[in-house]
N, C-alpha and C. Protein backbone atom coordinates (compact mmCIF):
# COMPACT_ATOMS: atom_id res chain seq x y z
N UNK A 1 -5.58 23.20 37.58
CA UNK A 1 -6.31 21.95 37.68
C UNK A 1 -5.63 20.90 36.80
N UNK A 2 -5.33 19.73 37.35
CA UNK A 2 -4.68 18.68 36.59
C UNK A 2 -5.65 17.55 36.31
N UNK A 3 -5.39 16.86 35.22
CA UNK A 3 -6.24 15.73 34.86
C UNK A 3 -5.59 14.45 35.33
N UNK A 4 -6.33 13.62 36.01
CA UNK A 4 -5.79 12.38 36.51
C UNK A 4 -5.42 11.46 35.35
N UNK A 5 -4.23 10.87 35.43
CA UNK A 5 -3.79 9.98 34.37
C UNK A 5 -4.68 8.75 34.31
N UNK A 6 -4.93 8.28 33.10
CA UNK A 6 -5.75 7.10 32.91
C UNK A 6 -4.95 5.86 33.32
N UNK A 7 -5.59 4.96 34.06
CA UNK A 7 -4.93 3.74 34.50
C UNK A 7 -5.05 2.66 33.43
N UNK A 8 -4.20 1.66 33.54
CA UNK A 8 -4.27 0.54 32.61
C UNK A 8 -3.49 0.81 31.34
N UNK A 9 -3.75 -0.02 30.32
CA UNK A 9 -3.02 0.08 29.07
C UNK A 9 -3.32 1.40 28.35
N UNK A 10 -2.26 2.05 27.89
CA UNK A 10 -2.44 3.29 27.14
C UNK A 10 -3.14 2.96 25.83
N UNK A 11 -4.15 3.74 25.46
CA UNK A 11 -4.88 3.45 24.23
C UNK A 11 -4.02 3.69 22.99
N UNK A 12 -4.33 2.95 21.92
CA UNK A 12 -3.65 3.17 20.65
C UNK A 12 -4.04 4.56 20.14
N UNK A 13 -3.07 5.29 19.63
CA UNK A 13 -3.35 6.67 19.24
C UNK A 13 -3.07 6.94 17.78
N UNK A 14 -2.84 5.92 17.00
CA UNK A 14 -2.61 6.15 15.58
C UNK A 14 -3.13 4.99 14.77
N UNK A 15 -3.36 5.25 13.49
CA UNK A 15 -3.80 4.19 12.59
C UNK A 15 -2.75 3.10 12.50
N UNK A 16 -1.49 3.50 12.47
CA UNK A 16 -0.40 2.52 12.35
C UNK A 16 -0.38 1.56 13.53
N UNK A 17 -0.50 2.09 14.74
CA UNK A 17 -0.50 1.24 15.93
C UNK A 17 -1.68 0.27 15.92
N UNK A 18 -2.84 0.79 15.61
CA UNK A 18 -4.03 -0.05 15.60
C UNK A 18 -3.93 -1.12 14.51
N UNK A 19 -3.38 -0.75 13.37
CA UNK A 19 -3.20 -1.70 12.29
C UNK A 19 -2.24 -2.81 12.70
N UNK A 20 -1.15 -2.45 13.37
CA UNK A 20 -0.18 -3.44 13.84
C UNK A 20 -0.82 -4.43 14.81
N UNK A 21 -1.61 -3.91 15.72
CA UNK A 21 -2.30 -4.77 16.70
C UNK A 21 -3.24 -5.73 15.98
N UNK A 22 -3.97 -5.22 15.01
CA UNK A 22 -4.90 -6.06 14.26
C UNK A 22 -4.15 -7.14 13.48
N UNK A 23 -3.04 -6.77 12.86
CA UNK A 23 -2.27 -7.75 12.10
C UNK A 23 -1.81 -8.90 12.99
N UNK A 24 -1.38 -8.58 14.20
CA UNK A 24 -0.95 -9.62 15.14
C UNK A 24 -2.10 -10.57 15.46
N UNK A 25 -3.29 -10.01 15.67
CA UNK A 25 -4.46 -10.84 15.95
C UNK A 25 -4.87 -11.68 14.74
N UNK A 26 -4.76 -11.11 13.55
CA UNK A 26 -5.09 -11.85 12.34
C UNK A 26 -4.17 -13.05 12.17
N UNK A 27 -2.89 -12.87 12.50
CA UNK A 27 -1.93 -13.97 12.40
C UNK A 27 -2.25 -15.03 13.45
N UNK A 28 -2.62 -14.60 14.64
CA UNK A 28 -2.90 -15.53 15.74
C UNK A 28 -4.19 -16.32 15.53
N UNK A 29 -5.24 -15.64 15.06
CA UNK A 29 -6.56 -16.27 15.01
C UNK A 29 -7.18 -16.38 13.62
N UNK A 30 -6.55 -15.74 12.64
CA UNK A 30 -7.14 -15.70 11.31
C UNK A 30 -7.96 -14.43 11.13
N UNK A 31 -8.03 -13.93 9.91
CA UNK A 31 -8.73 -12.69 9.66
C UNK A 31 -10.22 -12.79 9.97
N UNK A 32 -10.86 -13.81 9.41
CA UNK A 32 -12.31 -13.93 9.55
C UNK A 32 -12.75 -14.17 10.99
N UNK A 33 -11.89 -14.86 11.76
CA UNK A 33 -12.26 -15.21 13.14
C UNK A 33 -12.02 -14.08 14.13
N UNK A 34 -11.29 -13.07 13.73
CA UNK A 34 -10.98 -11.94 14.62
C UNK A 34 -12.07 -10.89 14.52
N UNK A 35 -12.56 -10.43 15.66
CA UNK A 35 -13.64 -9.43 15.67
C UNK A 35 -13.10 -8.04 15.97
N UNK A 36 -13.88 -7.05 15.62
CA UNK A 36 -13.51 -5.67 15.92
C UNK A 36 -13.42 -5.46 17.43
N UNK A 37 -14.31 -6.08 18.18
CA UNK A 37 -14.28 -5.95 19.64
C UNK A 37 -12.97 -6.48 20.21
N UNK A 38 -12.47 -7.58 19.66
CA UNK A 38 -11.21 -8.15 20.12
C UNK A 38 -10.04 -7.21 19.80
N UNK A 39 -10.08 -6.62 18.64
CA UNK A 39 -9.02 -5.68 18.25
C UNK A 39 -9.04 -4.46 19.15
N UNK A 40 -10.22 -3.91 19.38
CA UNK A 40 -10.35 -2.73 20.23
C UNK A 40 -9.89 -3.04 21.65
N UNK A 41 -10.25 -4.21 22.16
CA UNK A 41 -9.85 -4.58 23.52
C UNK A 41 -8.33 -4.71 23.63
N UNK A 42 -7.70 -5.34 22.62
CA UNK A 42 -6.24 -5.49 22.63
C UNK A 42 -5.55 -4.12 22.57
N UNK A 43 -6.18 -3.17 21.88
CA UNK A 43 -5.61 -1.83 21.74
C UNK A 43 -5.90 -0.94 22.94
N UNK A 44 -6.82 -1.39 23.82
CA UNK A 44 -7.17 -0.58 24.98
C UNK A 44 -8.08 0.58 24.66
N UNK A 45 -8.91 0.41 23.62
CA UNK A 45 -9.84 1.47 23.23
C UNK A 45 -11.25 0.88 23.14
N UNK A 46 -12.24 1.75 23.03
CA UNK A 46 -13.62 1.30 22.88
C UNK A 46 -13.96 1.08 21.42
N UNK A 47 -15.06 0.39 21.20
CA UNK A 47 -15.52 0.10 19.83
C UNK A 47 -15.78 1.40 19.06
N UNK A 48 -16.37 2.38 19.72
CA UNK A 48 -16.65 3.65 19.05
C UNK A 48 -15.36 4.35 18.62
N UNK A 49 -14.35 4.28 19.48
CA UNK A 49 -13.06 4.90 19.14
C UNK A 49 -12.43 4.20 17.95
N UNK A 50 -12.59 2.88 17.88
CA UNK A 50 -12.05 2.12 16.74
C UNK A 50 -12.50 2.73 15.41
N UNK A 51 -13.79 3.05 15.33
CA UNK A 51 -14.34 3.53 14.07
C UNK A 51 -13.91 4.97 13.75
N UNK A 52 -13.24 5.62 14.67
CA UNK A 52 -12.66 6.92 14.35
C UNK A 52 -11.39 6.74 13.50
N UNK A 53 -10.80 5.57 13.62
CA UNK A 53 -9.56 5.29 12.89
C UNK A 53 -9.82 4.54 11.59
N UNK A 54 -10.73 3.58 11.61
CA UNK A 54 -11.00 2.76 10.43
C UNK A 54 -12.50 2.54 10.27
N UNK A 55 -13.01 2.64 9.03
CA UNK A 55 -14.43 2.44 8.81
C UNK A 55 -14.87 0.98 8.91
N UNK A 56 -13.91 0.04 8.76
CA UNK A 56 -14.27 -1.37 8.83
C UNK A 56 -13.04 -2.21 9.15
N UNK A 57 -13.26 -3.47 9.46
CA UNK A 57 -12.15 -4.39 9.71
C UNK A 57 -11.33 -4.60 8.43
N UNK A 58 -12.00 -4.56 7.30
CA UNK A 58 -11.31 -4.78 6.02
C UNK A 58 -10.27 -3.71 5.73
N UNK A 59 -10.42 -2.54 6.35
CA UNK A 59 -9.50 -1.44 6.09
C UNK A 59 -8.24 -1.51 6.95
N UNK A 60 -8.27 -2.32 8.00
CA UNK A 60 -7.15 -2.37 8.93
C UNK A 60 -5.81 -2.75 8.30
N UNK A 61 -5.75 -3.78 7.47
CA UNK A 61 -4.45 -4.14 6.91
C UNK A 61 -3.80 -3.04 6.07
N UNK A 62 -4.61 -2.10 5.60
CA UNK A 62 -4.08 -1.04 4.75
C UNK A 62 -3.39 0.07 5.55
N UNK A 63 -3.62 0.12 6.85
CA UNK A 63 -2.99 1.16 7.65
C UNK A 63 -3.40 2.55 7.16
N UNK A 64 -2.45 3.47 7.15
CA UNK A 64 -2.72 4.85 6.73
C UNK A 64 -2.45 4.99 5.23
N UNK A 65 -3.18 4.23 4.44
CA UNK A 65 -2.92 4.15 3.00
C UNK A 65 -3.13 5.49 2.30
N UNK A 66 -4.14 6.23 2.70
CA UNK A 66 -4.42 7.52 2.05
C UNK A 66 -3.26 8.49 2.23
N UNK A 67 -2.64 8.44 3.40
CA UNK A 67 -1.47 9.30 3.64
C UNK A 67 -0.32 8.91 2.71
N UNK A 68 -0.13 7.60 2.53
CA UNK A 68 0.93 7.14 1.63
C UNK A 68 0.65 7.57 0.19
N UNK A 69 -0.60 7.54 -0.21
CA UNK A 69 -0.95 8.00 -1.55
C UNK A 69 -0.67 9.49 -1.71
N UNK A 70 -0.98 10.27 -0.70
CA UNK A 70 -0.70 11.71 -0.75
C UNK A 70 0.80 11.96 -0.89
N UNK A 71 1.59 11.17 -0.16
CA UNK A 71 3.04 11.30 -0.25
C UNK A 71 3.54 10.92 -1.64
N UNK A 72 2.97 9.89 -2.21
CA UNK A 72 3.37 9.47 -3.55
C UNK A 72 3.03 10.55 -4.58
N UNK A 73 1.84 11.12 -4.46
CA UNK A 73 1.42 12.18 -5.36
C UNK A 73 2.37 13.38 -5.26
N UNK A 74 2.74 13.75 -4.04
CA UNK A 74 3.66 14.87 -3.83
C UNK A 74 5.05 14.54 -4.35
N UNK A 75 5.47 13.30 -4.14
CA UNK A 75 6.79 12.87 -4.63
C UNK A 75 6.87 13.02 -6.14
N UNK A 76 5.83 12.60 -6.84
CA UNK A 76 5.80 12.72 -8.29
C UNK A 76 5.81 14.17 -8.73
N UNK A 77 5.07 15.00 -8.02
CA UNK A 77 5.01 16.42 -8.38
C UNK A 77 6.36 17.11 -8.19
N UNK A 78 7.14 16.62 -7.23
CA UNK A 78 8.42 17.25 -6.92
C UNK A 78 9.55 16.79 -7.84
N UNK A 79 9.33 15.76 -8.62
CA UNK A 79 10.36 15.28 -9.53
C UNK A 79 10.58 16.29 -10.66
N UNK A 80 11.81 16.42 -11.15
CA UNK A 80 12.06 17.37 -12.23
C UNK A 80 11.32 16.99 -13.51
N UNK A 81 10.81 17.98 -14.20
CA UNK A 81 10.06 17.73 -15.43
C UNK A 81 10.92 17.09 -16.50
N UNK A 82 12.23 17.24 -16.39
CA UNK A 82 13.14 16.67 -17.38
C UNK A 82 13.30 15.15 -17.24
N UNK A 83 12.88 14.60 -16.09
CA UNK A 83 13.00 13.17 -15.87
C UNK A 83 11.96 12.44 -16.72
N UNK A 84 12.38 11.50 -17.55
CA UNK A 84 11.42 10.77 -18.41
C UNK A 84 10.31 10.12 -17.59
N UNK A 85 9.14 9.99 -18.19
CA UNK A 85 7.97 9.44 -17.51
C UNK A 85 8.25 8.07 -16.89
N UNK A 86 8.86 7.18 -17.66
CA UNK A 86 9.13 5.83 -17.16
C UNK A 86 10.03 5.86 -15.94
N UNK A 87 11.06 6.69 -15.98
CA UNK A 87 11.98 6.79 -14.85
C UNK A 87 11.31 7.43 -13.63
N UNK A 88 10.45 8.40 -13.87
CA UNK A 88 9.74 9.07 -12.77
C UNK A 88 8.83 8.08 -12.05
N UNK A 89 8.08 7.30 -12.81
CA UNK A 89 7.18 6.33 -12.20
C UNK A 89 7.94 5.21 -11.50
N UNK A 90 9.05 4.82 -12.08
CA UNK A 90 9.88 3.79 -11.45
C UNK A 90 10.36 4.27 -10.09
N UNK A 91 10.84 5.48 -10.02
CA UNK A 91 11.33 6.04 -8.76
C UNK A 91 10.20 6.17 -7.75
N UNK A 92 9.03 6.61 -8.20
CA UNK A 92 7.90 6.83 -7.29
C UNK A 92 7.36 5.51 -6.74
N UNK A 93 7.25 4.51 -7.58
CA UNK A 93 6.73 3.22 -7.14
C UNK A 93 7.68 2.58 -6.12
N UNK A 94 8.97 2.67 -6.39
CA UNK A 94 9.95 2.10 -5.46
C UNK A 94 9.91 2.86 -4.14
N UNK A 95 9.84 4.17 -4.20
CA UNK A 95 9.80 4.97 -2.98
C UNK A 95 8.52 4.68 -2.19
N UNK A 96 7.41 4.50 -2.87
CA UNK A 96 6.15 4.20 -2.21
C UNK A 96 6.23 2.91 -1.41
N UNK A 97 7.00 1.97 -1.90
CA UNK A 97 7.10 0.66 -1.26
C UNK A 97 8.33 0.50 -0.38
N UNK A 98 8.98 1.59 -0.06
CA UNK A 98 10.14 1.55 0.83
C UNK A 98 9.67 1.78 2.27
N UNK A 99 10.01 0.86 3.17
CA UNK A 99 9.56 0.93 4.55
C UNK A 99 10.75 0.81 5.51
N UNK A 100 10.64 1.40 6.70
CA UNK A 100 11.68 1.21 7.71
C UNK A 100 11.81 -0.27 8.05
N UNK A 101 13.00 -0.69 8.46
CA UNK A 101 13.24 -2.10 8.76
C UNK A 101 12.24 -2.65 9.78
N UNK A 102 11.88 -1.84 10.77
CA UNK A 102 10.96 -2.29 11.81
C UNK A 102 9.56 -2.55 11.27
N UNK A 103 9.22 -1.93 10.15
CA UNK A 103 7.89 -2.06 9.58
C UNK A 103 7.78 -3.26 8.63
N UNK A 104 8.90 -3.76 8.16
CA UNK A 104 8.89 -4.82 7.15
C UNK A 104 8.13 -6.07 7.59
N UNK A 105 8.33 -6.60 8.81
CA UNK A 105 7.55 -7.79 9.22
C UNK A 105 6.04 -7.54 9.18
N UNK A 106 5.60 -6.36 9.59
CA UNK A 106 4.18 -6.03 9.53
C UNK A 106 3.71 -5.96 8.08
N UNK A 107 4.56 -5.39 7.24
CA UNK A 107 4.19 -5.24 5.84
C UNK A 107 4.07 -6.60 5.16
N UNK A 108 4.93 -7.52 5.53
CA UNK A 108 4.85 -8.87 4.98
C UNK A 108 3.53 -9.53 5.40
N UNK A 109 3.17 -9.39 6.67
CA UNK A 109 1.90 -9.93 7.16
C UNK A 109 0.73 -9.28 6.42
N UNK A 110 0.84 -7.97 6.25
CA UNK A 110 -0.22 -7.20 5.57
C UNK A 110 -0.45 -7.72 4.16
N UNK A 111 0.63 -7.89 3.40
CA UNK A 111 0.49 -8.30 2.02
C UNK A 111 0.06 -9.76 1.89
N UNK A 112 0.47 -10.60 2.82
CA UNK A 112 -0.01 -11.99 2.83
C UNK A 112 -1.53 -12.01 2.92
N UNK A 113 -2.07 -11.17 3.77
CA UNK A 113 -3.51 -11.08 3.94
C UNK A 113 -4.19 -10.51 2.70
N UNK A 114 -3.67 -9.39 2.22
CA UNK A 114 -4.31 -8.69 1.11
C UNK A 114 -4.33 -9.50 -0.18
N UNK A 115 -3.33 -10.34 -0.35
CA UNK A 115 -3.24 -11.12 -1.58
C UNK A 115 -3.87 -12.50 -1.49
N UNK A 116 -4.23 -12.93 -0.26
CA UNK A 116 -4.69 -14.31 -0.11
C UNK A 116 -6.04 -14.50 0.58
N UNK A 117 -6.50 -13.52 1.36
CA UNK A 117 -7.79 -13.66 2.03
C UNK A 117 -8.89 -13.18 1.08
N UNK A 118 -9.80 -14.07 0.67
CA UNK A 118 -10.82 -13.70 -0.33
C UNK A 118 -11.56 -12.41 -0.02
N UNK A 119 -11.97 -12.22 1.24
CA UNK A 119 -12.70 -11.00 1.61
C UNK A 119 -11.88 -9.76 1.33
N UNK A 120 -10.58 -9.84 1.63
CA UNK A 120 -9.71 -8.68 1.44
C UNK A 120 -9.32 -8.48 -0.02
N UNK A 121 -9.21 -9.57 -0.77
CA UNK A 121 -8.90 -9.46 -2.19
C UNK A 121 -9.98 -8.65 -2.88
N UNK A 122 -11.24 -8.92 -2.55
CA UNK A 122 -12.35 -8.17 -3.14
C UNK A 122 -12.33 -6.71 -2.70
N UNK A 123 -12.08 -6.48 -1.41
CA UNK A 123 -12.06 -5.13 -0.87
C UNK A 123 -10.90 -4.32 -1.44
N UNK A 124 -9.81 -4.99 -1.77
CA UNK A 124 -8.61 -4.31 -2.25
C UNK A 124 -8.83 -3.60 -3.58
N UNK A 125 -9.84 -4.01 -4.31
CA UNK A 125 -10.11 -3.39 -5.61
C UNK A 125 -10.23 -1.87 -5.48
N UNK A 126 -10.88 -1.40 -4.43
CA UNK A 126 -11.06 0.04 -4.23
C UNK A 126 -9.73 0.73 -3.95
N UNK A 127 -8.89 0.09 -3.15
CA UNK A 127 -7.58 0.67 -2.82
C UNK A 127 -6.67 0.71 -4.04
N UNK A 128 -6.69 -0.37 -4.80
CA UNK A 128 -5.85 -0.40 -6.00
C UNK A 128 -6.30 0.67 -6.99
N UNK A 129 -7.60 0.92 -7.04
CA UNK A 129 -8.12 1.96 -7.94
C UNK A 129 -7.58 3.33 -7.54
N UNK A 130 -7.50 3.58 -6.23
CA UNK A 130 -6.97 4.86 -5.75
C UNK A 130 -5.49 4.99 -6.10
N UNK A 131 -4.75 3.90 -5.99
CA UNK A 131 -3.33 3.90 -6.33
C UNK A 131 -3.14 4.16 -7.82
N UNK A 132 -3.94 3.47 -8.63
CA UNK A 132 -3.85 3.66 -10.08
C UNK A 132 -4.20 5.09 -10.47
N UNK A 133 -5.11 5.71 -9.76
CA UNK A 133 -5.49 7.07 -10.08
C UNK A 133 -4.32 8.03 -9.94
N UNK A 134 -3.51 7.83 -8.89
CA UNK A 134 -2.33 8.68 -8.70
C UNK A 134 -1.38 8.54 -9.88
N UNK A 135 -1.16 7.31 -10.31
CA UNK A 135 -0.26 7.07 -11.44
C UNK A 135 -0.85 7.64 -12.73
N UNK A 136 -2.15 7.42 -12.94
CA UNK A 136 -2.79 7.89 -14.16
C UNK A 136 -2.81 9.42 -14.23
N UNK A 137 -3.03 10.07 -13.10
CA UNK A 137 -3.02 11.53 -13.06
C UNK A 137 -1.68 12.08 -13.53
N UNK A 138 -0.62 11.49 -13.00
CA UNK A 138 0.72 11.95 -13.34
C UNK A 138 1.03 11.67 -14.80
N UNK A 139 0.73 10.45 -15.26
CA UNK A 139 1.01 10.09 -16.65
C UNK A 139 0.23 10.97 -17.61
N UNK A 140 -1.03 11.24 -17.28
CA UNK A 140 -1.86 12.07 -18.15
C UNK A 140 -1.31 13.48 -18.27
N UNK A 141 -0.85 14.02 -17.14
CA UNK A 141 -0.30 15.38 -17.15
C UNK A 141 0.97 15.43 -18.00
N UNK A 142 1.79 14.40 -17.88
CA UNK A 142 3.03 14.35 -18.67
C UNK A 142 2.75 14.18 -20.16
N UNK A 143 1.74 13.38 -20.48
CA UNK A 143 1.44 13.08 -21.88
C UNK A 143 0.52 14.11 -22.53
N UNK A 144 -0.11 14.95 -21.70
CA UNK A 144 -1.02 15.96 -22.23
C UNK A 144 -2.31 15.36 -22.77
N UNK A 145 -2.80 14.32 -22.09
CA UNK A 145 -4.04 13.67 -22.52
C UNK A 145 -4.97 13.56 -21.32
N UNK A 146 -6.27 13.29 -21.53
CA UNK A 146 -7.19 13.14 -20.39
C UNK A 146 -6.78 11.97 -19.51
N UNK A 147 -7.05 12.11 -18.23
CA UNK A 147 -6.69 11.08 -17.25
C UNK A 147 -7.36 9.74 -17.53
N UNK A 148 -8.58 9.78 -18.07
CA UNK A 148 -9.33 8.55 -18.30
C UNK A 148 -9.12 7.98 -19.70
N UNK A 149 -8.16 8.50 -20.44
CA UNK A 149 -7.89 7.98 -21.77
C UNK A 149 -7.01 6.74 -21.70
N UNK A 150 -6.82 6.07 -22.82
CA UNK A 150 -6.17 4.76 -22.85
C UNK A 150 -4.74 4.78 -22.31
N UNK A 151 -3.92 5.71 -22.76
CA UNK A 151 -2.50 5.68 -22.38
C UNK A 151 -2.27 5.73 -20.87
N UNK A 152 -2.76 6.76 -20.17
CA UNK A 152 -2.50 6.80 -18.73
C UNK A 152 -3.14 5.65 -17.96
N UNK A 153 -4.31 5.19 -18.41
CA UNK A 153 -4.96 4.08 -17.73
C UNK A 153 -4.17 2.78 -17.93
N UNK A 154 -3.69 2.56 -19.14
CA UNK A 154 -2.88 1.37 -19.42
C UNK A 154 -1.59 1.40 -18.62
N UNK A 155 -0.99 2.57 -18.51
CA UNK A 155 0.24 2.72 -17.72
C UNK A 155 -0.03 2.40 -16.26
N UNK A 156 -1.12 2.93 -15.72
CA UNK A 156 -1.45 2.71 -14.31
C UNK A 156 -1.70 1.23 -14.03
N UNK A 157 -2.46 0.58 -14.88
CA UNK A 157 -2.74 -0.85 -14.70
C UNK A 157 -1.45 -1.67 -14.80
N UNK A 158 -0.59 -1.29 -15.72
CA UNK A 158 0.66 -2.03 -15.93
C UNK A 158 1.56 -1.94 -14.70
N UNK A 159 1.71 -0.75 -14.15
CA UNK A 159 2.59 -0.59 -12.98
C UNK A 159 2.02 -1.29 -11.75
N UNK A 160 0.69 -1.33 -11.65
CA UNK A 160 0.09 -2.08 -10.55
C UNK A 160 0.37 -3.56 -10.70
N UNK A 161 0.18 -4.09 -11.91
CA UNK A 161 0.39 -5.52 -12.15
C UNK A 161 1.83 -5.91 -11.88
N UNK A 162 2.75 -5.11 -12.35
CA UNK A 162 4.17 -5.40 -12.15
C UNK A 162 4.52 -5.35 -10.66
N UNK A 163 3.96 -4.39 -9.95
CA UNK A 163 4.23 -4.29 -8.51
C UNK A 163 3.71 -5.50 -7.76
N UNK A 164 2.50 -5.95 -8.10
CA UNK A 164 1.93 -7.11 -7.44
C UNK A 164 2.70 -8.38 -7.75
N UNK A 165 3.23 -8.48 -8.96
CA UNK A 165 4.03 -9.66 -9.30
C UNK A 165 5.31 -9.68 -8.47
N UNK A 166 5.89 -8.51 -8.22
CA UNK A 166 7.08 -8.43 -7.37
C UNK A 166 6.74 -8.83 -5.94
N UNK A 167 5.58 -8.40 -5.47
CA UNK A 167 5.16 -8.76 -4.11
C UNK A 167 4.95 -10.26 -3.97
N UNK A 168 4.38 -10.90 -4.98
CA UNK A 168 4.18 -12.34 -4.91
C UNK A 168 5.51 -13.07 -4.77
N UNK A 169 6.51 -12.62 -5.50
CA UNK A 169 7.84 -13.23 -5.39
C UNK A 169 8.46 -12.97 -4.02
N UNK A 170 8.24 -11.76 -3.51
CA UNK A 170 8.79 -11.39 -2.19
C UNK A 170 8.22 -12.27 -1.09
N UNK A 171 6.93 -12.56 -1.17
CA UNK A 171 6.28 -13.35 -0.14
C UNK A 171 6.67 -14.82 -0.18
N UNK A 172 7.20 -15.27 -1.31
CA UNK A 172 7.62 -16.67 -1.43
C UNK A 172 8.93 -16.96 -0.72
N UNK A 173 9.73 -15.92 -0.51
CA UNK A 173 11.07 -16.12 0.04
C UNK A 173 11.32 -15.14 1.18
N UNK A 174 11.61 -15.67 2.36
CA UNK A 174 11.81 -14.82 3.55
C UNK A 174 12.99 -13.87 3.40
N UNK A 175 13.99 -14.25 2.62
CA UNK A 175 15.19 -13.42 2.50
C UNK A 175 15.18 -12.54 1.25
N UNK A 176 14.04 -12.49 0.57
CA UNK A 176 13.96 -11.69 -0.66
C UNK A 176 13.99 -10.20 -0.35
N UNK A 177 14.52 -9.43 -1.27
CA UNK A 177 14.61 -7.97 -1.14
C UNK A 177 13.50 -7.35 -1.99
N UNK A 178 12.51 -6.77 -1.34
CA UNK A 178 11.35 -6.22 -2.05
C UNK A 178 11.76 -5.13 -3.03
N UNK A 179 12.61 -4.22 -2.60
CA UNK A 179 13.00 -3.11 -3.47
C UNK A 179 13.73 -3.62 -4.71
N UNK A 180 14.60 -4.60 -4.53
CA UNK A 180 15.32 -5.17 -5.67
C UNK A 180 14.36 -5.85 -6.64
N UNK A 181 13.37 -6.55 -6.10
CA UNK A 181 12.38 -7.21 -6.95
C UNK A 181 11.55 -6.19 -7.73
N UNK A 182 11.13 -5.13 -7.05
CA UNK A 182 10.35 -4.09 -7.73
C UNK A 182 11.18 -3.42 -8.82
N UNK A 183 12.42 -3.12 -8.50
CA UNK A 183 13.30 -2.47 -9.47
C UNK A 183 13.51 -3.36 -10.69
N UNK A 184 13.70 -4.66 -10.45
CA UNK A 184 13.90 -5.60 -11.55
C UNK A 184 12.64 -5.75 -12.39
N UNK A 185 11.49 -5.87 -11.72
CA UNK A 185 10.22 -6.05 -12.43
C UNK A 185 9.88 -4.83 -13.28
N UNK A 186 10.04 -3.65 -12.69
CA UNK A 186 9.74 -2.42 -13.44
C UNK A 186 10.74 -2.23 -14.57
N UNK A 187 11.98 -2.64 -14.32
CA UNK A 187 13.01 -2.51 -15.35
C UNK A 187 12.69 -3.31 -16.60
N UNK A 188 11.95 -4.42 -16.44
CA UNK A 188 11.58 -5.22 -17.60
C UNK A 188 10.67 -4.47 -18.55
N UNK A 189 9.97 -3.46 -18.03
CA UNK A 189 9.08 -2.68 -18.90
C UNK A 189 9.86 -1.92 -19.96
N UNK A 190 11.10 -1.58 -19.63
CA UNK A 190 11.92 -0.83 -20.59
C UNK A 190 12.12 -1.61 -21.88
N UNK A 191 12.26 -2.93 -21.76
CA UNK A 191 12.47 -3.74 -22.96
C UNK A 191 11.16 -4.33 -23.49
N UNK A 192 10.25 -4.66 -22.59
CA UNK A 192 8.98 -5.27 -23.01
C UNK A 192 8.20 -4.35 -23.93
N UNK A 193 8.20 -3.05 -23.60
CA UNK A 193 7.40 -2.10 -24.37
C UNK A 193 8.25 -1.24 -25.32
N UNK A 194 9.49 -1.63 -25.51
CA UNK A 194 10.36 -0.92 -26.44
C UNK A 194 10.19 -1.58 -27.81
N UNK A 195 9.65 -0.83 -28.77
CA UNK A 195 9.36 -1.39 -30.07
C UNK A 195 10.62 -1.92 -30.75
N UNK A 196 11.78 -1.36 -30.41
CA UNK A 196 13.01 -1.78 -31.04
C UNK A 196 13.39 -3.19 -30.65
N UNK A 197 12.94 -3.64 -29.44
CA UNK A 197 13.33 -4.96 -28.96
C UNK A 197 12.65 -6.08 -29.74
N UNK A 198 11.57 -5.78 -30.48
CA UNK A 198 10.85 -6.81 -31.21
C UNK A 198 11.26 -6.87 -32.68
N UNK A 199 12.20 -6.00 -33.04
CA UNK A 199 12.63 -5.99 -34.44
C UNK A 199 13.70 -7.05 -34.71
């Protein structure tokens, strides 16, 4: 027995595809003016199916963020223990933000929204907290201190702030290299927090 092929547009089958479709609509009509029904219709899926991929419209720009966090956590775990903490985090943050060339235009649209749309700026707090947790977990394990203590939390907040500052510079210039900006920004921590540099 064979199943008859579905006619019309093939439905979106991944979070990435649905996120890309939503980003295009956000650029065309604005984030606030775009509805979930419009996104689902453009993707060729029903409203109920939409919610299997994302719990809300606010989550769309993030794509499969949880998967990326899992990859970052695994990347950190796989690094040699002999690699200094600062170098390990530098490598992990840069790797986390490395995207295929085809994904870069979407990522630029994504970050423009996340950093500038008030609704998304507020929602992003939860996502940034999840990202900081991955960094704090690793730093705490390396330092032998509780995850919620000052050192790992300060490290996590610092790397987030530095990363966002690099993103702001990247969005200002179409020809900017995100990886180079991140590498340069994180590299400044080596001297900023080196007690010898203030002597």
